[in-house]
């Protein structure tokens, strides 16, 4: 597959995922049901990989998967899906993958002592201005539900940034890390759902259930991730990551068409600022020099996270 085509597939899935999930949690599904589908189906898809590579996976990687599960697995996934019950889909795209670069810059400096490049700082500041615009809009509308959902998106994005940084620090392979995280998440959320669910999942119309299985477990949980890794292999991490800038605008367009979510002028300005910030920051990450004395960083084959 061509690298640009693979990147386009990943961006299209990321852009449409908030719309499909928002339709689900405001329709026939409870948030915990979609969390279960996301990691339960995803674990089944990754299981053959884990069985084939079981002996080559270091024991340390299995232990490191526990905190990574909180960062990129059940913790982050639950925040995104619950947040989409409260806030618009276009907010998730902007405050999730859109501001991930700002969190990477801030947490990389504060937690991992990594000095960001000037481009990353400028991109992060543009993203932060977009976040402030969205927060200002929420406050002006006095919509506490939307503000709560936005806070969940920001928290999920921060966890995703920690996942990227810790994955690089530990040198865990991207596919290996995703497989372990998905399996561990399924081991938590599936038994919890089976024990606590008041009604079974199959109460939902079969086509609706299959649609969410496709989005939660197959597309966002597996296909987008594989497409991203293929794009990185063909194009490099910088050009692949730059295409994430298209996600907020794409989601806003799809949400307008399919959900009737009409963004205000302030929201449109915020989405454009965040997209511009991602474009600038993705062209160069860290300058390679630690901000303070620190141990050399191990790099994984891929340090890019799946957004929400």
C-alpha atoms as a PDB file:
ATOM      1  CA  UNK A   1       0.000   0.000   0.000  1.00  0.00           C
ATOM      2  CA  UNK A   2       1.195   3.527  -0.843  1.00  0.00           C
ATOM      3  CA  UNK A   3       2.346   5.486   2.224  1.00  0.00           C
ATOM      4  CA  UNK A   4       0.060   8.447   1.584  1.00  0.00           C
ATOM      5  CA  UNK A   5      -2.901   6.125   1.051  1.00  0.00           C
ATOM      6  CA  UNK A   6      -2.167   4.380   4.354  1.00  0.00           C
ATOM      7  CA  UNK A   7      -1.940   7.738   6.148  1.00  0.00           C
ATOM      8  CA  UNK A   8      -5.205   8.838   4.521  1.00  0.00           C
ATOM      9  CA  UNK A   9      -6.936   5.655   5.757  1.00  0.00           C
ATOM     10  CA  UNK A  10      -5.738   6.311   9.320  1.00  0.00           C
ATOM     11  CA  UNK A  11      -6.819   9.975   9.223  1.00  0.00           C
ATOM     12  CA  UNK A  12     -10.229   9.104   7.763  1.00  0.00           C
ATOM     13  CA  UNK A  13     -10.855   6.553  10.541  1.00  0.00           C
ATOM     14  CA  UNK A  14      -9.694   8.948  13.266  1.00  0.00           C
ATOM     15  CA  UNK A  15     -11.830  11.727  11.816  1.00  0.00           C
ATOM     16  CA  UNK A  16     -14.978   9.602  11.574  1.00  0.00           C
ATOM     17  CA  UNK A  17     -14.550   7.694  14.865  1.00  0.00           C
ATOM     18  CA  UNK A  18     -15.851  10.492  17.165  1.00  0.00           C
ATOM     19  CA  UNK A  19     -18.914  10.870  14.940  1.00  0.00           C
ATOM     20  CA  UNK A  20     -19.703   7.143  14.998  1.00  0.00           C
ATOM     21  CA  UNK A  21     -19.119   6.945  18.758  1.00  0.00           C
ATOM     22  CA  UNK A  22     -21.137  10.078  19.525  1.00  0.00           C
ATOM     23  CA  UNK A  23     -24.034   8.588  17.528  1.00  0.00           C
ATOM     24  CA  UNK A  24     -23.712   5.376  19.551  1.00  0.00           C
ATOM     25  CA  UNK A  25     -23.611   6.878  23.068  1.00  0.00           C
ATOM     26  CA  UNK A  26     -26.445   9.302  22.338  1.00  0.00           C
ATOM     27  CA  UNK A  27     -28.461   6.477  20.777  1.00  0.00           C
ATOM     28  CA  UNK A  28     -28.717   2.799  21.671  1.00  0.00           C
ATOM     29  CA  UNK A  29     -25.474   2.196  23.580  1.00  0.00           C
ATOM     30  CA  UNK A  30     -24.216   2.982  27.057  1.00  0.00           C
ATOM     31  CA  UNK A  31     -20.584   4.197  27.207  1.00  0.00           C
ATOM     32  CA  UNK A  32     -19.392   1.076  29.060  1.00  0.00           C
ATOM     33  CA  UNK A  33     -20.790  -1.090  26.259  1.00  0.00           C
ATOM     34  CA  UNK A  34     -18.698   0.688  23.635  1.00  0.00           C
ATOM     35  CA  UNK A  35     -15.605   0.456  25.870  1.00  0.00           C
ATOM     36  CA  UNK A  36     -16.220  -3.293  26.074  1.00  0.00           C
ATOM     37  CA  UNK A  37     -16.574  -3.610  22.302  1.00  0.00           C
ATOM     38  CA  UNK A  38     -13.455  -1.542  21.675  1.00  0.00           C
ATOM     39  CA  UNK A  39     -11.123  -3.642  23.793  1.00  0.00           C
ATOM     40  CA  UNK A  40     -12.930  -6.981  23.689  1.00  0.00           C
ATOM     41  CA  UNK A  41     -12.966  -7.132  19.890  1.00  0.00           C
ATOM     42  CA  UNK A  42      -9.526  -5.522  19.657  1.00  0.00           C
ATOM     43  CA  UNK A  43      -8.036  -8.158  21.966  1.00  0.00           C
ATOM     44  CA  UNK A  44      -9.425 -10.950  19.784  1.00  0.00           C
ATOM     45  CA  UNK A  45      -7.803  -9.352  16.732  1.00  0.00           C
ATOM     46  CA  UNK A  46      -4.429  -8.928  18.439  1.00  0.00           C
ATOM     47  CA  UNK A  47      -4.483 -12.381  20.077  1.00  0.00           C
ATOM     48  CA  UNK A  48      -2.937 -14.245  17.085  1.00  0.00           C
ATOM     49  CA  UNK A  49      -0.025 -11.758  17.078  1.00  0.00           C
ATOM     50  CA  UNK A  50       0.568 -12.272  20.807  1.00  0.00           C
ATOM     51  CA  UNK A  51       0.446 -16.055  20.479  1.00  0.00           C
ATOM     52  CA  UNK A  52       2.900 -16.037  17.560  1.00  0.00           C
ATOM     53  CA  UNK A  53       5.345 -13.689  19.310  1.00  0.00           C
ATOM     54  CA  UNK A  54       4.811 -14.835  22.895  1.00  0.00           C
ATOM     55  CA  UNK A  55       8.332 -16.207  23.352  1.00  0.00           C
ATOM     56  CA  UNK A  56      10.032 -13.164  21.849  1.00  0.00           C
ATOM     57  CA  UNK A  57       8.214 -10.671  24.109  1.00  0.00           C
ATOM     58  CA  UNK A  58      10.384  -9.817  27.104  1.00  0.00           C
ATOM     59  CA  UNK A  59       8.956 -10.436  30.568  1.00  0.00           C
ATOM     60  CA  UNK A  60       9.646  -6.775  31.326  1.00  0.00           C
ATOM     61  CA  UNK A  61       7.343  -5.720  28.461  1.00  0.00           C
ATOM     62  CA  UNK A  62       4.437  -7.640  30.010  1.00  0.00           C
ATOM     63  CA  UNK A  63       4.973  -5.747  33.285  1.00  0.00           C
ATOM     64  CA  UNK A  64       5.331  -2.395  31.514  1.00  0.00           C
ATOM     65  CA  UNK A  65       2.003  -3.052  29.828  1.00  0.00           C
ATOM     66  CA  UNK A  66       0.150  -2.440  33.110  1.00  0.00           C
ATOM     67  CA  UNK A  67       0.780   1.341  33.363  1.00  0.00           C
ATOM     68  CA  UNK A  68       0.586   1.625  29.564  1.00  0.00           C
ATOM     69  CA  UNK A  69      -2.920   0.135  29.801  1.00  0.00           C
ATOM     70  CA  UNK A  70      -3.988   3.139  31.893  1.00  0.00           C
ATOM     71  CA  UNK A  71      -2.346   5.622  29.504  1.00  0.00           C
ATOM     72  CA  UNK A  72      -3.527   4.274  26.151  1.00  0.00           C
ATOM     73  CA  UNK A  73      -5.927   1.455  26.991  1.00  0.00           C
ATOM     74  CA  UNK A  74      -8.986   1.262  29.194  1.00  0.00           C
ATOM     75  CA  UNK A  75      -8.246   4.530  31.009  1.00  0.00           C
ATOM     76  CA  UNK A  76      -7.956   6.702  27.927  1.00  0.00           C
ATOM     77  CA  UNK A  77     -10.638   4.831  25.958  1.00  0.00           C
ATOM     78  CA  UNK A  78     -13.200   5.204  28.735  1.00  0.00           C
ATOM     79  CA  UNK A  79     -12.549   8.952  29.061  1.00  0.00           C
ATOM     80  CA  UNK A  80     -13.040   9.479  25.318  1.00  0.00           C
ATOM     81  CA  UNK A  81     -16.248   7.436  25.071  1.00  0.00           C
ATOM     82  CA  UNK A  82     -17.826   8.867  28.242  1.00  0.00           C
ATOM     83  CA  UNK A  83     -16.824  12.348  27.132  1.00  0.00           C
ATOM     84  CA  UNK A  84     -18.602  11.865  23.809  1.00  0.00           C
ATOM     85  CA  UNK A  85     -21.840  11.333  25.706  1.00  0.00           C
ATOM     86  CA  UNK A  86     -21.509  14.892  27.020  1.00  0.00           C
ATOM     87  CA  UNK A  87     -19.665  16.961  24.407  1.00  0.00           C
ATOM     88  CA  UNK A  88     -19.763  17.283  20.596  1.00  0.00           C
ATOM     89  CA  UNK A  89     -17.733  14.990  18.367  1.00  0.00           C
ATOM     90  CA  UNK A  90     -15.791  17.917  16.887  1.00  0.00           C
ATOM     91  CA  UNK A  91     -14.543  18.826  20.383  1.00  0.00           C
ATOM     92  CA  UNK A  92     -13.126  15.320  20.836  1.00  0.00           C
ATOM     93  CA  UNK A  93     -11.111  15.511  17.622  1.00  0.00           C
ATOM     94  CA  UNK A  94      -9.741  18.930  18.524  1.00  0.00           C
ATOM     95  CA  UNK A  95      -9.021  18.258  22.213  1.00  0.00           C
ATOM     96  CA  UNK A  96      -7.928  14.633  21.698  1.00  0.00           C
ATOM     97  CA  UNK A  97      -5.507  14.013  18.811  1.00  0.00           C
ATOM     98  CA  UNK A  98      -5.457  17.741  18.129  1.00  0.00           C
ATOM     99  CA  UNK A  99      -3.744  18.799  21.364  1.00  0.00           C
ATOM    100  CA  UNK A 100      -1.686  15.644  21.844  1.00  0.00           C
ATOM    101  CA  UNK A 101       1.351  17.502  20.539  1.00  0.00           C
ATOM    102  CA  UNK A 102       0.976  20.173  23.237  1.00  0.00           C
ATOM    103  CA  UNK A 103       0.818  17.532  25.962  1.00  0.00           C
ATOM    104  CA  UNK A 104       3.891  15.777  24.518  1.00  0.00           C
ATOM    105  CA  UNK A 105       5.819  19.060  24.661  1.00  0.00           C
ATOM    106  CA  UNK A 106       4.700  19.927  28.208  1.00  0.00           C
ATOM    107  CA  UNK A 107       4.917  16.470  29.796  1.00  0.00           C
ATOM    108  CA  UNK A 108       8.085  15.609  27.893  1.00  0.00           C
ATOM    109  CA  UNK A 109       9.749  18.640  29.467  1.00  0.00           C
ATOM    110  CA  UNK A 110       8.274  18.315  32.979  1.00  0.00           C
ATOM    111  CA  UNK A 111       8.350  14.524  33.413  1.00  0.00           C
ATOM    112  CA  UNK A 112      11.080  13.287  31.058  1.00  0.00           C
ATOM    113  CA  UNK A 113      13.353  16.369  30.952  1.00  0.00           C
ATOM    114  CA  UNK A 114      13.234  16.560  27.160  1.00  0.00           C
ATOM    115  CA  UNK A 115      13.818  20.002  25.681  1.00  0.00           C
ATOM    116  CA  UNK A 116      11.280  20.775  22.937  1.00  0.00           C
ATOM    117  CA  UNK A 117      12.354  22.398  19.675  1.00  0.00           C
ATOM    118  CA  UNK A 118      11.153  25.937  18.843  1.00  0.00           C
ATOM    119  CA  UNK A 119       8.730  24.501  16.267  1.00  0.00           C
ATOM    120  CA  UNK A 120       7.183  22.205  18.851  1.00  0.00           C
ATOM    121  CA  UNK A 121       6.794  25.120  21.280  1.00  0.00           C
ATOM    122  CA  UNK A 122       5.075  27.271  18.630  1.00  0.00           C
ATOM    123  CA  UNK A 123       2.787  24.387  17.651  1.00  0.00           C
ATOM    124  CA  UNK A 124       1.945  23.665  21.271  1.00  0.00           C
ATOM    125  CA  UNK A 125       1.097  27.340  21.907  1.00  0.00           C
ATOM    126  CA  UNK A 126      -1.252  27.382  18.899  1.00  0.00           C
ATOM    127  CA  UNK A 127      -2.931  24.233  20.205  1.00  0.00           C
ATOM    128  CA  UNK A 128      -3.235  25.793  23.652  1.00  0.00           C
ATOM    129  CA  UNK A 129      -4.877  28.890  22.139  1.00  0.00           C
ATOM    130  CA  UNK A 130      -7.404  26.604  20.464  1.00  0.00           C
ATOM    131  CA  UNK A 131      -8.144  24.898  23.785  1.00  0.00           C
ATOM    132  CA  UNK A 132      -8.712  28.278  25.454  1.00  0.00           C
ATOM    133  CA  UNK A 133     -11.107  29.298  22.678  1.00  0.00           C
ATOM    134  CA  UNK A 134     -13.158  26.125  23.148  1.00  0.00           C
ATOM    135  CA  UNK A 135     -13.158  26.598  26.928  1.00  0.00           C
ATOM    136  CA  UNK A 136     -14.262  30.221  26.494  1.00  0.00           C
ATOM    137  CA  UNK A 137     -17.097  29.100  24.231  1.00  0.00           C
ATOM    138  CA  UNK A 138     -18.218  26.491  26.800  1.00  0.00           C
ATOM    139  CA  UNK A 139     -18.168  29.049  29.605  1.00  0.00           C
ATOM    140  CA  UNK A 140     -20.079  31.603  27.535  1.00  0.00           C
ATOM    141  CA  UNK A 141     -22.732  28.986  26.772  1.00  0.00           C
ATOM    142  CA  UNK A 142     -22.823  27.969  30.464  1.00  0.00           C
ATOM    143  CA  UNK A 143     -22.961  24.329  29.411  1.00  0.00           C
ATOM    144  CA  UNK A 144     -21.428  22.341  32.267  1.00  0.00           C
ATOM    145  CA  UNK A 145     -21.992  18.996  30.496  1.00  0.00           C
ATOM    146  CA  UNK A 146     -19.914  20.090  27.504  1.00  0.00           C
ATOM    147  CA  UNK A 147     -17.191  21.469  29.786  1.00  0.00           C
ATOM    148  CA  UNK A 148     -17.078  18.141  31.644  1.00  0.00           C
ATOM    149  CA  UNK A 149     -16.805  16.249  28.355  1.00  0.00           C
ATOM    150  CA  UNK A 150     -14.053  18.591  27.157  1.00  0.00           C
ATOM    151  CA  UNK A 151     -12.147  17.996  30.406  1.00  0.00           C
ATOM    152  CA  UNK A 152     -12.369  14.246  29.770  1.00  0.00           C
ATOM    153  CA  UNK A 153     -10.984  14.712  26.249  1.00  0.00           C
ATOM    154  CA  UNK A 154      -8.059  16.746  27.568  1.00  0.00           C
ATOM    155  CA  UNK A 155      -7.333  14.152  30.257  1.00  0.00           C
ATOM    156  CA  UNK A 156      -7.458  11.373  27.646  1.00  0.00           C
ATOM    157  CA  UNK A 157      -5.075  13.317  25.411  1.00  0.00           C
ATOM    158  CA  UNK A 158      -2.654  13.780  28.321  1.00  0.00           C
ATOM    159  CA  UNK A 159      -2.720  10.029  28.975  1.00  0.00           C
ATOM    160  CA  UNK A 160      -2.064   9.409  25.276  1.00  0.00           C
ATOM    161  CA  UNK A 161       0.954  11.738  25.406  1.00  0.00           C
ATOM    162  CA  UNK A 162       2.316   9.877  28.428  1.00  0.00           C
ATOM    163  CA  UNK A 163       1.901   6.638  26.475  1.00  0.00           C
ATOM    164  CA  UNK A 164       3.953   7.995  23.562  1.00  0.00           C
ATOM    165  CA  UNK A 165       6.700   9.286  25.850  1.00  0.00           C
ATOM    166  CA  UNK A 166       6.859   6.175  28.020  1.00  0.00           C
ATOM    167  CA  UNK A 167       6.809   3.879  24.991  1.00  0.00           C
ATOM    168  CA  UNK A 168       9.873   5.698  23.665  1.00  0.00           C
ATOM    169  CA  UNK A 169      11.551   5.678  27.064  1.00  0.00           C
ATOM    170  CA  UNK A 170      11.099   1.932  27.576  1.00  0.00           C
ATOM    171  CA  UNK A 171      11.823   0.947  23.983  1.00  0.00           C
ATOM    172  CA  UNK A 172       8.648  -1.139  23.655  1.00  0.00           C
ATOM    173  CA  UNK A 173       7.688  -1.836  20.038  1.00  0.00           C
ATOM    174  CA  UNK A 174       4.558  -0.003  18.871  1.00  0.00           C
ATOM    175  CA  UNK A 175       2.583  -3.040  17.687  1.00  0.00           C
ATOM    176  CA  UNK A 176       3.742  -5.094  20.659  1.00  0.00           C
ATOM    177  CA  UNK A 177       2.727  -2.331  23.052  1.00  0.00           C
ATOM    178  CA  UNK A 178      -0.698  -1.920  21.446  1.00  0.00           C
ATOM    179  CA  UNK A 179      -1.354  -5.670  21.538  1.00  0.00           C
ATOM    180  CA  UNK A 180      -0.427  -5.996  25.220  1.00  0.00           C
ATOM    181  CA  UNK A 181      -2.361  -2.853  26.202  1.00  0.00           C
ATOM    182  CA  UNK A 182      -5.473  -4.022  24.347  1.00  0.00           C
ATOM    183  CA  UNK A 183      -5.309  -7.492  25.905  1.00  0.00           C
ATOM    184  CA  UNK A 184      -4.873  -6.133  29.437  1.00  0.00           C
ATOM    185  CA  UNK A 185      -7.706  -3.638  28.897  1.00  0.00           C
ATOM    186  CA  UNK A 186     -10.010  -6.433  27.725  1.00  0.00           C
ATOM    187  CA  UNK A 187      -9.114  -8.470  30.810  1.00  0.00           C
ATOM    188  CA  UNK A 188     -10.418  -5.571  32.929  1.00  0.00           C
ATOM    189  CA  UNK A 189     -13.405  -4.183  31.036  1.00  0.00           C
ATOM    190  CA  UNK A 190     -14.992  -7.375  29.656  1.00  0.00           C
ATOM    191  CA  UNK A 191     -15.435  -9.185  33.019  1.00  0.00           C
ATOM    192  CA  UNK A 192     -16.531  -5.897  34.622  1.00  0.00           C
ATOM    193  CA  UNK A 193     -19.178  -5.390  31.943  1.00  0.00           C
ATOM    194  CA  UNK A 194     -20.440  -8.983  32.133  1.00  0.00           C
ATOM    195  CA  UNK A 195     -20.755  -8.670  35.911  1.00  0.00           C
ATOM    196  CA  UNK A 196     -22.321  -5.207  36.080  1.00  0.00           C
ATOM    197  CA  UNK A 197     -24.351  -4.766  32.871  1.00  0.00           C
ATOM    198  CA  UNK A 198     -28.086  -4.490  33.636  1.00  0.00           C
ATOM    199  CA  UNK A 199     -29.038  -5.598  30.107  1.00  0.00           C
ATOM    200  CA  UNK A 200     -27.167  -7.669  27.490  1.00  0.00           C
ATOM    201  CA  UNK A 201     -25.518  -6.132  24.443  1.00  0.00           C
ATOM    202  CA  UNK A 202     -27.619  -8.179  22.048  1.00  0.00           C
ATOM    203  CA  UNK A 203     -30.704  -6.137  22.999  1.00  0.00           C
ATOM    204  CA  UNK A 204     -29.464  -3.688  20.348  1.00  0.00           C
ATOM    205  CA  UNK A 205     -30.527  -4.138  16.726  1.00  0.00           C
ATOM    206  CA  UNK A 206     -28.028  -6.473  14.964  1.00  0.00           C
ATOM    207  CA  UNK A 207     -26.980  -3.899  12.339  1.00  0.00           C
ATOM    208  CA  UNK A 208     -26.302  -1.246  15.006  1.00  0.00           C
ATOM    209  CA  UNK A 209     -24.251  -3.736  17.022  1.00  0.00           C
ATOM    210  CA  UNK A 210     -22.215  -4.805  13.980  1.00  0.00           C
ATOM    211  CA  UNK A 211     -21.644  -1.146  13.080  1.00  0.00           C
ATOM    212  CA  UNK A 212     -20.148  -0.376  16.492  1.00  0.00           C
ATOM    213  CA  UNK A 213     -18.124  -3.618  16.493  1.00  0.00           C
ATOM    214  CA  UNK A 214     -16.647  -2.437  13.191  1.00  0.00           C
ATOM    215  CA  UNK A 215     -15.801   1.038  14.487  1.00  0.00           C
ATOM    216  CA  UNK A 216     -14.753   0.280  18.052  1.00  0.00           C
ATOM    217  CA  UNK A 217     -12.888  -2.998  17.688  1.00  0.00           C
ATOM    218  CA  UNK A 218     -11.835  -3.321  14.056  1.00  0.00           C
ATOM    219  CA  UNK A 219     -11.261   0.148  12.592  1.00  0.00           C
ATOM    220  CA  UNK A 220     -10.051   2.322  15.490  1.00  0.00           C
ATOM    221  CA  UNK A 221      -8.649  -0.600  17.476  1.00  0.00           C
ATOM    222  CA  UNK A 222      -6.672  -2.265  14.706  1.00  0.00           C
ATOM    223  CA  UNK A 223      -6.916  -1.013  11.101  1.00  0.00           C
ATOM    224  CA  UNK A 224      -6.040   2.643  11.820  1.00  0.00           C
ATOM    225  CA  UNK A 225      -3.076   1.546  13.905  1.00  0.00           C
ATOM    226  CA  UNK A 226      -1.692  -0.782  11.225  1.00  0.00           C
ATOM    227  CA  UNK A 227      -2.255   1.881   8.539  1.00  0.00           C
ATOM    228  CA  UNK A 228      -0.385   4.456  10.629  1.00  0.00           C
ATOM    229  CA  UNK A 229       2.588   2.149  11.127  1.00  0.00           C
ATOM    230  CA  UNK A 230       2.683   1.419   7.384  1.00  0.00           C
ATOM    231  CA  UNK A 231       2.591   5.162   6.650  1.00  0.00           C
ATOM    232  CA  UNK A 232       5.451   5.794   9.077  1.00  0.00           C
ATOM    233  CA  UNK A 233       7.515   3.050   7.443  1.00  0.00           C
ATOM    234  CA  UNK A 234       6.957   4.572   3.984  1.00  0.00           C
ATOM    235  CA  UNK A 235       6.869   8.309   4.693  1.00  0.00           C
ATOM    236  CA  UNK A 236       8.606   8.743   8.042  1.00  0.00           C
ATOM    237  CA  UNK A 237       7.118   9.791  11.353  1.00  0.00           C
ATOM    238  CA  UNK A 238       7.133  13.561  10.690  1.00  0.00           C
ATOM    239  CA  UNK A 239       5.142  13.552   7.435  1.00  0.00           C
ATOM    240  CA  UNK A 240       2.753  10.902   8.792  1.00  0.00           C
ATOM    241  CA  UNK A 241       2.141  12.834  12.003  1.00  0.00           C
ATOM    242  CA  UNK A 242       1.563  16.072  10.077  1.00  0.00           C
ATOM    243  CA  UNK A 243      -1.526  14.523   8.497  1.00  0.00           C
ATOM    244  CA  UNK A 244      -3.130  14.366  11.970  1.00  0.00           C
ATOM    245  CA  UNK A 245      -3.694  18.108  11.455  1.00  0.00           C
ATOM    246  CA  UNK A 246      -6.548  17.156   9.123  1.00  0.00           C
ATOM    247  CA  UNK A 247      -8.463  15.277  11.841  1.00  0.00           C
ATOM    248  CA  UNK A 248     -10.203  18.202  13.661  1.00  0.00           C
ATOM    249  CA  UNK A 249     -11.414  19.773  10.412  1.00  0.00           C
ATOM    250  CA  UNK A 250     -12.517  16.416   8.986  1.00  0.00           C
ATOM    251  CA  UNK A 251     -14.427  15.506  12.160  1.00  0.00           C
ATOM    252  CA  UNK A 252     -16.108  18.918  12.266  1.00  0.00           C
ATOM    253  CA  UNK A 253     -17.252  18.445   8.659  1.00  0.00           C
ATOM    254  CA  UNK A 254     -18.576  14.918   9.255  1.00  0.00           C
ATOM    255  CA  UNK A 255     -20.288  15.952  12.510  1.00  0.00           C
ATOM    256  CA  UNK A 256     -22.011  18.788  10.680  1.00  0.00           C
ATOM    257  CA  UNK A 257     -23.317  16.425   7.974  1.00  0.00           C
ATOM    258  CA  UNK A 258     -24.248  13.362  10.043  1.00  0.00           C
ATOM    259  CA  UNK A 259     -24.964  14.747  13.533  1.00  0.00           C
ATOM    260  CA  UNK A 260     -26.124  18.266  12.756  1.00  0.00           C
ATOM    261  CA  UNK A 261     -23.406  19.776  14.981  1.00  0.00           C
ATOM    262  CA  UNK A 262     -22.963  23.361  13.729  1.00  0.00           C
ATOM    263  CA  UNK A 263     -19.751  24.878  15.128  1.00  0.00           C
ATOM    264  CA  UNK A 264     -19.742  28.500  16.290  1.00  0.00           C
ATOM    265  CA  UNK A 265     -17.205  31.005  14.884  1.00  0.00           C
ATOM    266  CA  UNK A 266     -15.143  30.606  18.078  1.00  0.00           C
ATOM    267  CA  UNK A 267     -15.081  26.821  17.656  1.00  0.00           C
ATOM    268  CA  UNK A 268     -14.096  27.085  13.980  1.00  0.00           C
ATOM    269  CA  UNK A 269     -11.229  29.410  14.944  1.00  0.00           C
ATOM    270  CA  UNK A 270     -10.166  26.937  17.632  1.00  0.00           C
ATOM    271  CA  UNK A 271     -10.170  23.986  15.210  1.00  0.00           C
ATOM    272  CA  UNK A 272      -8.078  25.930  12.689  1.00  0.00           C
ATOM    273  CA  UNK A 273      -5.594  27.037  15.368  1.00  0.00           C
ATOM    274  CA  UNK A 274      -5.185  23.475  16.617  1.00  0.00           C
ATOM    275  CA  UNK A 275      -4.760  22.090  13.086  1.00  0.00           C
ATOM    276  CA  UNK A 276      -2.125  24.746  12.354  1.00  0.00           C
ATOM    277  CA  UNK A 277      -0.346  23.912  15.604  1.00  0.00           C
ATOM    278  CA  UNK A 278      -0.215  20.216  14.756  1.00  0.00           C
ATOM    279  CA  UNK A 279       1.116  20.981  11.257  1.00  0.00           C
ATOM    280  CA  UNK A 280       3.920  23.163  12.604  1.00  0.00           C
ATOM    281  CA  UNK A 281       4.865  20.893  15.502  1.00  0.00           C
ATOM    282  CA  UNK A 282       4.849  17.668  13.468  1.00  0.00           C
ATOM    283  CA  UNK A 283       7.611  18.940  11.187  1.00  0.00           C
ATOM    284  CA  UNK A 284      10.107  18.622  14.020  1.00  0.00           C
ATOM    285  CA  UNK A 285       9.865  17.139  17.484  1.00  0.00           C
ATOM    286  CA  UNK A 286      12.579  17.523  20.085  1.00  0.00           C
ATOM    287  CA  UNK A 287      15.943  18.987  19.261  1.00  0.00           C
ATOM    288  CA  UNK A 288      17.666  15.975  20.744  1.00  0.00           C
ATOM    289  CA  UNK A 289      19.133  17.774  23.783  1.00  0.00           C
ATOM    290  CA  UNK A 290      17.674  17.120  27.233  1.00  0.00           C
ATOM    291  CA  UNK A 291      16.517  20.148  29.174  1.00  0.00           C
ATOM    292  CA  UNK A 292      18.441  18.952  32.192  1.00  0.00           C
ATOM    293  CA  UNK A 293      20.830  16.117  32.811  1.00  0.00           C
ATOM    294  CA  UNK A 294      19.081  12.844  32.113  1.00  0.00           C
ATOM    295  CA  UNK A 295      19.796   9.324  30.989  1.00  0.00           C
ATOM    296  CA  UNK A 296      19.859   8.620  27.235  1.00  0.00           C
ATOM    297  CA  UNK A 297      16.459   7.825  25.864  1.00  0.00           C
ATOM    298  CA  UNK A 298      15.693   4.531  24.212  1.00  0.00           C
ATOM    299  CA  UNK A 299      13.666   4.858  21.055  1.00  0.00           C
ATOM    300  CA  UNK A 300      11.030   2.434  19.892  1.00  0.00           C
ATOM    301  CA  UNK A 301      10.426   1.580  16.252  1.00  0.00           C
ATOM    302  CA  UNK A 302       7.389   3.851  16.399  1.00  0.00           C
ATOM    303  CA  UNK A 303       6.535   6.501  18.924  1.00  0.00           C
ATOM    304  CA  UNK A 304       3.177   7.591  17.556  1.00  0.00           C
ATOM    305  CA  UNK A 305       0.058   6.904  19.528  1.00  0.00           C
ATOM    306  CA  UNK A 306      -3.407   6.029  18.294  1.00  0.00           C
ATOM    307  CA  UNK A 307      -5.643   8.972  19.003  1.00  0.00           C
ATOM    308  CA  UNK A 308      -8.699   8.267  21.258  1.00  0.00           C
END
